[in-house]
N, C-alpha and C. Protein backbone atom coordinates (compact mmCIF):
# COMPACT_ATOMS: atom_id res chain seq x y z
N MET A 1 86.26 37.05 64.38
CA MET A 1 84.85 36.88 64.15
C MET A 1 84.60 35.50 63.56
N SER A 2 83.61 34.79 64.03
CA SER A 2 83.33 33.46 63.50
C SER A 2 82.19 33.55 62.49
N ALA A 3 82.31 32.75 61.46
CA ALA A 3 81.28 32.71 60.43
C ALA A 3 80.13 31.84 60.92
N VAL A 4 78.94 32.28 60.64
CA VAL A 4 77.75 31.52 61.01
C VAL A 4 77.35 30.66 59.82
N MET A 5 77.25 29.36 60.07
CA MET A 5 76.84 28.45 59.00
C MET A 5 75.33 28.56 58.84
N LYS A 6 74.90 28.80 57.62
CA LYS A 6 73.48 28.92 57.33
C LYS A 6 73.01 27.66 56.62
N GLU A 7 71.88 27.14 57.07
CA GLU A 7 71.30 25.97 56.42
C GLU A 7 70.88 26.35 54.99
N PRO A 8 71.08 25.45 54.02
CA PRO A 8 70.62 25.73 52.66
C PRO A 8 69.10 25.91 52.66
N GLU A 9 68.63 26.76 51.76
CA GLU A 9 67.20 26.99 51.66
C GLU A 9 66.49 25.76 51.10
N THR A 10 65.22 25.60 51.48
CA THR A 10 64.42 24.51 50.94
C THR A 10 64.12 24.82 49.48
N PRO A 11 64.42 23.90 48.60
CA PRO A 11 64.14 24.14 47.18
C PRO A 11 62.64 24.07 46.90
N ALA A 12 62.23 24.53 45.73
CA ALA A 12 60.85 24.36 45.30
C ALA A 12 60.61 22.86 45.11
N LEU A 13 59.54 22.38 45.71
CA LEU A 13 59.26 20.94 45.68
C LEU A 13 57.97 20.67 44.92
N GLU A 14 57.93 19.53 44.28
CA GLU A 14 56.73 19.07 43.59
C GLU A 14 56.46 17.64 44.04
N TYR A 15 55.19 17.36 44.30
CA TYR A 15 54.79 16.03 44.75
C TYR A 15 53.97 15.37 43.65
N ARG A 16 54.36 14.15 43.30
CA ARG A 16 53.67 13.41 42.24
C ARG A 16 53.45 11.97 42.70
N PRO A 17 52.45 11.31 42.15
CA PRO A 17 52.31 9.88 42.43
C PRO A 17 53.54 9.14 41.95
N MET A 18 54.02 8.23 42.76
CA MET A 18 55.16 7.40 42.38
C MET A 18 54.69 6.38 41.35
N GLY A 19 55.53 6.12 40.38
CA GLY A 19 55.22 5.13 39.37
C GLY A 19 56.31 4.08 39.28
N GLU A 20 56.06 3.07 38.49
CA GLU A 20 57.02 2.00 38.28
C GLU A 20 58.37 2.55 37.84
N ARG A 21 58.35 3.63 37.03
CA ARG A 21 59.58 4.22 36.51
C ARG A 21 60.45 4.82 37.62
N ASP A 22 59.86 5.10 38.79
CA ASP A 22 60.58 5.72 39.90
C ASP A 22 61.21 4.71 40.85
N LEU A 23 60.84 3.44 40.74
CA LEU A 23 61.21 2.46 41.76
C LEU A 23 62.71 2.26 41.93
N GLU A 24 63.45 2.25 40.85
CA GLU A 24 64.91 2.05 40.96
C GLU A 24 65.53 3.21 41.75
N SER A 25 65.13 4.44 41.45
CA SER A 25 65.66 5.60 42.17
C SER A 25 65.24 5.58 43.63
N VAL A 26 64.00 5.21 43.89
CA VAL A 26 63.51 5.12 45.27
C VAL A 26 64.32 4.09 46.04
N ALA A 27 64.53 2.92 45.46
CA ALA A 27 65.30 1.87 46.13
C ALA A 27 66.75 2.30 46.37
N THR A 28 67.30 3.08 45.46
CA THR A 28 68.67 3.59 45.64
C THR A 28 68.74 4.54 46.82
N ILE A 29 67.77 5.46 46.92
CA ILE A 29 67.72 6.38 48.07
C ILE A 29 67.55 5.58 49.36
N GLU A 30 66.62 4.65 49.34
CA GLU A 30 66.33 3.83 50.52
C GLU A 30 67.58 3.13 51.03
N ALA A 31 68.33 2.51 50.12
CA ALA A 31 69.54 1.78 50.51
C ALA A 31 70.61 2.70 51.07
N ALA A 32 70.61 3.96 50.62
CA ALA A 32 71.62 4.91 51.09
C ALA A 32 71.28 5.50 52.46
N VAL A 33 70.01 5.58 52.80
CA VAL A 33 69.64 6.27 54.05
C VAL A 33 69.24 5.34 55.19
N TYR A 34 68.98 4.08 54.90
CA TYR A 34 68.57 3.14 55.95
C TYR A 34 69.55 1.97 56.04
N VAL A 35 69.88 1.58 57.24
CA VAL A 35 70.74 0.42 57.46
C VAL A 35 70.02 -0.87 57.07
N PHE A 36 68.72 -0.90 57.31
CA PHE A 36 67.89 -2.06 56.96
C PHE A 36 66.80 -1.59 56.00
N PRO A 37 67.16 -1.42 54.72
CA PRO A 37 66.23 -0.81 53.77
C PRO A 37 65.15 -1.76 53.28
N TRP A 38 64.04 -1.15 52.83
CA TRP A 38 63.04 -1.89 52.08
C TRP A 38 63.69 -2.33 50.76
N THR A 39 63.17 -3.39 50.19
CA THR A 39 63.66 -3.87 48.91
C THR A 39 62.86 -3.24 47.77
N LEU A 40 63.39 -3.37 46.58
CA LEU A 40 62.67 -2.93 45.39
C LEU A 40 61.30 -3.61 45.34
N GLY A 41 61.27 -4.90 45.71
CA GLY A 41 60.01 -5.64 45.75
C GLY A 41 59.01 -5.07 46.74
N ASN A 42 59.49 -4.58 47.89
CA ASN A 42 58.58 -3.95 48.87
C ASN A 42 57.90 -2.73 48.26
N PHE A 43 58.68 -1.92 47.54
CA PHE A 43 58.10 -0.73 46.92
C PHE A 43 57.15 -1.10 45.79
N ARG A 44 57.52 -2.09 44.99
CA ARG A 44 56.64 -2.54 43.91
C ARG A 44 55.33 -3.08 44.49
N ASP A 45 55.42 -3.87 45.56
CA ASP A 45 54.21 -4.40 46.21
C ASP A 45 53.33 -3.27 46.73
N SER A 46 53.94 -2.22 47.25
CA SER A 46 53.16 -1.07 47.74
C SER A 46 52.38 -0.42 46.61
N LEU A 47 53.02 -0.27 45.45
CA LEU A 47 52.31 0.28 44.29
C LEU A 47 51.16 -0.64 43.88
N LEU A 48 51.44 -1.94 43.79
CA LEU A 48 50.43 -2.90 43.36
C LEU A 48 49.28 -3.03 44.35
N SER A 49 49.55 -2.76 45.63
CA SER A 49 48.52 -2.85 46.67
C SER A 49 47.63 -1.61 46.72
N GLY A 50 47.99 -0.60 45.93
CA GLY A 50 47.17 0.61 45.91
C GLY A 50 47.48 1.59 47.03
N TYR A 51 48.61 1.42 47.69
CA TYR A 51 48.99 2.39 48.72
C TYR A 51 49.27 3.73 48.05
N GLN A 52 49.16 4.80 48.82
CA GLN A 52 49.49 6.12 48.30
C GLN A 52 51.01 6.24 48.31
N CYS A 53 51.59 6.18 47.15
CA CYS A 53 53.03 6.24 46.99
C CYS A 53 53.35 7.58 46.33
N THR A 54 54.02 8.45 47.07
CA THR A 54 54.26 9.81 46.60
C THR A 54 55.75 10.04 46.44
N ALA A 55 56.11 10.63 45.31
CA ALA A 55 57.49 11.00 45.04
C ALA A 55 57.62 12.51 45.21
N CYS A 56 58.71 12.93 45.80
CA CYS A 56 59.01 14.35 46.02
C CYS A 56 60.15 14.74 45.10
N TRP A 57 59.93 15.77 44.31
CA TRP A 57 60.89 16.18 43.29
C TRP A 57 61.36 17.60 43.53
N ALA A 58 62.64 17.85 43.30
CA ALA A 58 63.21 19.19 43.23
C ALA A 58 63.73 19.32 41.80
N GLY A 59 62.99 20.01 40.98
CA GLY A 59 63.34 20.06 39.56
C GLY A 59 63.20 18.69 38.96
N ARG A 60 64.27 18.21 38.34
CA ARG A 60 64.24 16.88 37.69
C ARG A 60 64.79 15.78 38.57
N GLU A 61 65.09 16.10 39.84
CA GLU A 61 65.70 15.11 40.73
C GLU A 61 64.70 14.61 41.77
N LEU A 62 64.59 13.29 41.86
CA LEU A 62 63.80 12.68 42.91
C LEU A 62 64.56 12.84 44.22
N VAL A 63 63.96 13.53 45.18
CA VAL A 63 64.66 13.81 46.43
C VAL A 63 64.07 13.07 47.62
N GLY A 64 62.89 12.49 47.46
CA GLY A 64 62.29 11.76 48.57
C GLY A 64 61.04 11.04 48.13
N TYR A 65 60.48 10.27 49.05
CA TYR A 65 59.28 9.49 48.76
C TYR A 65 58.59 9.15 50.08
N ALA A 66 57.32 8.79 49.94
CA ALA A 66 56.54 8.34 51.10
C ALA A 66 55.56 7.28 50.65
N ILE A 67 55.31 6.33 51.55
CA ILE A 67 54.35 5.26 51.30
C ILE A 67 53.32 5.33 52.43
N ILE A 68 52.05 5.46 52.05
CA ILE A 68 50.97 5.62 53.03
C ILE A 68 49.87 4.62 52.73
N MET A 69 49.46 3.90 53.75
CA MET A 69 48.34 2.97 53.64
C MET A 69 47.14 3.63 54.31
N THR A 70 46.01 3.66 53.62
CA THR A 70 44.80 4.22 54.21
C THR A 70 43.74 3.13 54.34
N ALA A 71 42.98 3.25 55.40
CA ALA A 71 41.84 2.36 55.63
C ALA A 71 40.83 3.12 56.47
N LEU A 72 39.61 3.10 56.01
CA LEU A 72 38.53 3.84 56.68
C LEU A 72 38.95 5.29 56.86
N GLU A 73 38.99 5.80 58.07
CA GLU A 73 39.33 7.21 58.31
C GLU A 73 40.76 7.38 58.79
N GLU A 74 41.61 6.38 58.57
CA GLU A 74 42.96 6.43 59.11
C GLU A 74 44.01 6.26 58.01
N ALA A 75 45.16 6.85 58.25
CA ALA A 75 46.31 6.68 57.37
C ALA A 75 47.48 6.21 58.21
N HIS A 76 48.31 5.37 57.61
CA HIS A 76 49.50 4.88 58.29
C HIS A 76 50.69 5.18 57.39
N LEU A 77 51.58 6.04 57.86
CA LEU A 77 52.78 6.39 57.12
C LEU A 77 53.78 5.24 57.32
N LEU A 78 53.94 4.43 56.28
CA LEU A 78 54.78 3.24 56.38
C LEU A 78 56.25 3.54 56.15
N ASN A 79 56.53 4.53 55.29
CA ASN A 79 57.92 4.82 54.96
C ASN A 79 57.98 6.24 54.42
N ILE A 80 58.98 6.98 54.86
CA ILE A 80 59.25 8.30 54.33
C ILE A 80 60.76 8.49 54.38
N ALA A 81 61.31 9.06 53.32
CA ALA A 81 62.76 9.29 53.29
C ALA A 81 63.08 10.46 52.37
N VAL A 82 64.18 11.10 52.69
CA VAL A 82 64.76 12.15 51.86
C VAL A 82 66.19 11.72 51.55
N ALA A 83 66.57 11.85 50.29
CA ALA A 83 67.92 11.48 49.88
C ALA A 83 68.95 12.18 50.76
N ASP A 84 70.00 11.45 51.08
CA ASP A 84 71.00 11.92 52.03
C ASP A 84 71.53 13.31 51.69
N HIS A 85 71.90 13.55 50.45
CA HIS A 85 72.49 14.85 50.09
C HIS A 85 71.46 15.97 50.01
N TRP A 86 70.17 15.67 50.23
CA TRP A 86 69.12 16.69 50.29
C TRP A 86 68.64 16.92 51.72
N GLN A 87 69.16 16.17 52.67
CA GLN A 87 68.72 16.32 54.05
C GLN A 87 69.25 17.62 54.66
N ARG A 88 68.62 18.02 55.76
CA ARG A 88 68.96 19.24 56.50
C ARG A 88 68.66 20.51 55.69
N ARG A 89 67.64 20.42 54.84
CA ARG A 89 67.18 21.59 54.07
C ARG A 89 65.70 21.86 54.30
N GLY A 90 65.08 21.16 55.24
CA GLY A 90 63.66 21.35 55.51
C GLY A 90 62.74 20.54 54.63
N ILE A 91 63.31 19.69 53.77
CA ILE A 91 62.48 18.92 52.85
C ILE A 91 61.59 17.93 53.60
N GLY A 92 62.14 17.25 54.61
CA GLY A 92 61.35 16.30 55.38
C GLY A 92 60.13 16.95 56.01
N ALA A 93 60.30 18.13 56.59
CA ALA A 93 59.19 18.84 57.21
C ALA A 93 58.17 19.29 56.16
N HIS A 94 58.64 19.78 55.02
CA HIS A 94 57.71 20.18 53.95
C HIS A 94 56.94 18.98 53.44
N PHE A 95 57.64 17.87 53.29
CA PHE A 95 57.00 16.65 52.79
C PHE A 95 55.97 16.16 53.80
N LEU A 96 56.31 16.14 55.07
CA LEU A 96 55.36 15.71 56.09
C LEU A 96 54.15 16.64 56.11
N GLN A 97 54.36 17.93 55.95
CA GLN A 97 53.22 18.87 55.91
C GLN A 97 52.32 18.54 54.73
N HIS A 98 52.93 18.22 53.60
CA HIS A 98 52.15 17.82 52.42
C HIS A 98 51.31 16.58 52.73
N ILE A 99 51.90 15.61 53.40
CA ILE A 99 51.19 14.37 53.75
C ILE A 99 50.02 14.68 54.68
N VAL A 100 50.26 15.50 55.69
CA VAL A 100 49.20 15.87 56.64
C VAL A 100 48.08 16.62 55.91
N ASP A 101 48.45 17.57 55.06
CA ASP A 101 47.45 18.34 54.31
C ASP A 101 46.61 17.43 53.41
N GLU A 102 47.26 16.49 52.73
CA GLU A 102 46.54 15.55 51.86
C GLU A 102 45.60 14.66 52.68
N ALA A 103 46.06 14.20 53.82
CA ALA A 103 45.22 13.36 54.68
C ALA A 103 43.98 14.15 55.15
N ARG A 104 44.17 15.39 55.49
CA ARG A 104 43.02 16.23 55.90
C ARG A 104 42.09 16.46 54.72
N ARG A 105 42.66 16.69 53.54
CA ARG A 105 41.85 16.90 52.35
C ARG A 105 40.98 15.66 52.06
N GLN A 106 41.49 14.50 52.41
CA GLN A 106 40.76 13.24 52.23
C GLN A 106 39.83 12.96 53.40
N HIS A 107 39.75 13.89 54.33
CA HIS A 107 38.89 13.77 55.52
C HIS A 107 39.27 12.59 56.41
N LEU A 108 40.56 12.29 56.46
CA LEU A 108 41.03 11.25 57.36
C LEU A 108 41.11 11.84 58.76
N GLU A 109 40.96 10.99 59.75
CA GLU A 109 40.90 11.46 61.13
C GLU A 109 42.20 11.27 61.90
N MET A 110 42.99 10.25 61.53
CA MET A 110 44.23 9.96 62.25
C MET A 110 45.32 9.60 61.26
N LEU A 111 46.53 9.97 61.65
CA LEU A 111 47.72 9.58 60.90
C LEU A 111 48.66 8.90 61.88
N PHE A 112 49.03 7.67 61.58
CA PHE A 112 49.88 6.87 62.46
C PHE A 112 51.24 6.64 61.79
N LEU A 113 52.24 6.34 62.62
CA LEU A 113 53.55 5.94 62.12
C LEU A 113 54.33 5.30 63.25
N GLU A 114 55.40 4.60 62.86
CA GLU A 114 56.37 4.08 63.82
C GLU A 114 57.69 4.79 63.57
N VAL A 115 58.45 4.98 64.64
CA VAL A 115 59.77 5.58 64.53
C VAL A 115 60.68 4.92 65.55
N ARG A 116 61.95 4.77 65.16
CA ARG A 116 62.93 4.21 66.08
C ARG A 116 63.19 5.22 67.21
N PRO A 117 63.29 4.76 68.45
CA PRO A 117 63.68 5.68 69.53
C PRO A 117 65.04 6.33 69.26
N SER A 118 65.91 5.63 68.55
CA SER A 118 67.25 6.16 68.25
C SER A 118 67.24 7.23 67.16
N ASN A 119 66.13 7.41 66.45
CA ASN A 119 66.05 8.40 65.37
C ASN A 119 65.57 9.74 65.95
N VAL A 120 66.48 10.39 66.63
CA VAL A 120 66.15 11.61 67.37
C VAL A 120 65.66 12.72 66.45
N ALA A 121 66.29 12.91 65.31
CA ALA A 121 65.88 13.98 64.39
C ALA A 121 64.44 13.78 63.93
N ALA A 122 64.09 12.57 63.54
CA ALA A 122 62.71 12.29 63.10
C ALA A 122 61.73 12.47 64.26
N ARG A 123 62.10 11.99 65.44
CA ARG A 123 61.21 12.13 66.59
C ARG A 123 60.91 13.61 66.88
N ARG A 124 61.94 14.45 66.80
CA ARG A 124 61.74 15.88 67.04
C ARG A 124 60.80 16.49 66.00
N MET A 125 60.99 16.10 64.73
CA MET A 125 60.12 16.63 63.69
C MET A 125 58.68 16.20 63.93
N TYR A 126 58.46 14.94 64.25
CA TYR A 126 57.10 14.46 64.51
C TYR A 126 56.47 15.18 65.70
N GLU A 127 57.26 15.42 66.74
CA GLU A 127 56.75 16.15 67.91
C GLU A 127 56.33 17.57 67.52
N ARG A 128 57.13 18.24 66.68
CA ARG A 128 56.77 19.60 66.22
C ARG A 128 55.45 19.60 65.47
N PHE A 129 55.12 18.52 64.79
CA PHE A 129 53.86 18.41 64.06
C PHE A 129 52.70 18.02 64.97
N GLY A 130 52.98 17.69 66.21
CA GLY A 130 51.91 17.34 67.14
C GLY A 130 51.66 15.86 67.30
N PHE A 131 52.50 15.01 66.73
CA PHE A 131 52.35 13.57 66.94
C PHE A 131 52.58 13.25 68.42
N ARG A 132 51.81 12.32 68.93
CA ARG A 132 51.94 11.88 70.32
C ARG A 132 52.15 10.37 70.35
N GLN A 133 52.93 9.93 71.33
CA GLN A 133 53.18 8.49 71.46
C GLN A 133 51.92 7.82 71.98
N LEU A 134 51.48 6.79 71.25
CA LEU A 134 50.29 6.03 71.61
C LEU A 134 50.63 4.65 72.16
N GLY A 135 51.84 4.21 71.88
CA GLY A 135 52.23 2.89 72.33
C GLY A 135 53.67 2.60 71.97
N LEU A 136 54.08 1.37 72.27
CA LEU A 136 55.43 0.91 71.99
C LEU A 136 55.32 -0.47 71.34
N ARG A 137 55.97 -0.64 70.23
CA ARG A 137 56.00 -1.94 69.55
C ARG A 137 57.37 -2.55 69.85
N ARG A 138 57.37 -3.58 70.69
CA ARG A 138 58.61 -4.21 71.12
C ARG A 138 59.26 -4.98 69.96
N ASN A 139 60.58 -4.86 69.86
CA ASN A 139 61.37 -5.62 68.88
C ASN A 139 60.84 -5.46 67.45
N TYR A 140 60.44 -4.29 67.10
CA TYR A 140 59.79 -4.02 65.81
C TYR A 140 60.79 -3.96 64.66
N TYR A 141 61.89 -3.25 64.87
CA TYR A 141 62.86 -3.01 63.80
C TYR A 141 64.08 -3.92 63.94
N PRO A 142 64.63 -4.37 62.80
CA PRO A 142 65.93 -5.03 62.88
C PRO A 142 66.98 -3.99 63.27
N ALA A 143 67.97 -4.41 63.99
CA ALA A 143 69.03 -3.51 64.44
C ALA A 143 70.36 -4.26 64.40
N PRO A 144 71.46 -3.53 64.37
CA PRO A 144 72.77 -4.19 64.32
C PRO A 144 72.99 -5.17 65.48
N THR A 145 72.38 -4.92 66.61
CA THR A 145 72.57 -5.79 67.77
C THR A 145 71.33 -6.64 68.06
N GLY A 146 70.49 -6.89 67.07
CA GLY A 146 69.29 -7.71 67.28
C GLY A 146 68.05 -6.99 66.79
N ARG A 147 67.27 -6.46 67.73
CA ARG A 147 66.02 -5.79 67.38
C ARG A 147 65.93 -4.49 68.17
N GLU A 148 65.19 -3.51 67.61
CA GLU A 148 64.95 -2.24 68.29
C GLU A 148 63.44 -2.01 68.36
N ASP A 149 62.99 -1.48 69.48
CA ASP A 149 61.58 -1.15 69.64
C ASP A 149 61.19 -0.04 68.67
N ALA A 150 59.90 0.16 68.51
CA ALA A 150 59.37 1.28 67.74
C ALA A 150 58.41 2.05 68.62
N LEU A 151 58.50 3.36 68.55
CA LEU A 151 57.50 4.21 69.18
C LEU A 151 56.34 4.30 68.18
N PHE A 152 55.14 4.02 68.65
CA PHE A 152 53.95 4.12 67.81
C PHE A 152 53.33 5.47 68.08
N LEU A 153 53.31 6.32 67.03
CA LEU A 153 52.85 7.70 67.18
C LEU A 153 51.58 7.93 66.39
N GLY A 154 50.79 8.90 66.84
CA GLY A 154 49.58 9.26 66.14
C GLY A 154 49.36 10.76 66.15
N LEU A 155 48.74 11.23 65.08
CA LEU A 155 48.36 12.64 64.96
C LEU A 155 46.88 12.70 64.66
N ASN A 156 46.14 13.41 65.53
CA ASN A 156 44.71 13.60 65.32
C ASN A 156 44.52 14.65 64.23
N LEU A 157 43.88 14.27 63.14
CA LEU A 157 43.67 15.18 62.00
C LEU A 157 42.26 15.77 61.98
N ALA A 158 41.37 15.20 62.78
CA ALA A 158 39.97 15.63 62.76
C ALA A 158 39.84 17.01 63.40
N PRO A 159 38.98 17.84 62.83
CA PRO A 159 38.77 19.15 63.47
C PRO A 159 38.18 18.94 64.87
N GLN A 160 38.68 19.73 65.77
CA GLN A 160 38.21 19.62 67.15
C GLN A 160 36.84 20.26 67.30
N LEU A 161 35.93 19.55 67.92
CA LEU A 161 34.59 20.08 68.16
C LEU A 161 34.61 20.91 69.43
N LEU A 162 33.90 22.00 69.42
CA LEU A 162 33.82 22.86 70.61
C LEU A 162 32.76 22.37 71.55
């Protein structure tokens, strides 16, 4: 008989505004999960620019973060990450649901993001949420062999009129 591997359960999560005190931990997670990470300065600039910077906590541990820029009725998810040792527990999906719910609460109409074509796991998650490809940004991301395109995705948040 073979044992069935069960995914760990999603822990209880809390979402809080990111602060200056969180930046070192955020930058550490970023460097661990991305080959071409944002710098500490990028995160600090996001805070200073008034972007919605959200930290995701499981108990006393920072497990993820997101940076969202809003303008008019639109939001642009600039960065989202879950710490490597917390991945594959449903945290990314819970966090994205939180972001979508907050955007709707703010009466935003669209949520945009870019994703690497090579990031299959993220693409699948975005598809499950209803994101659709709206375009392609050529040579958007740095890559080990030069540049990689980005899929430009959007999610309609506005209630559908009958």
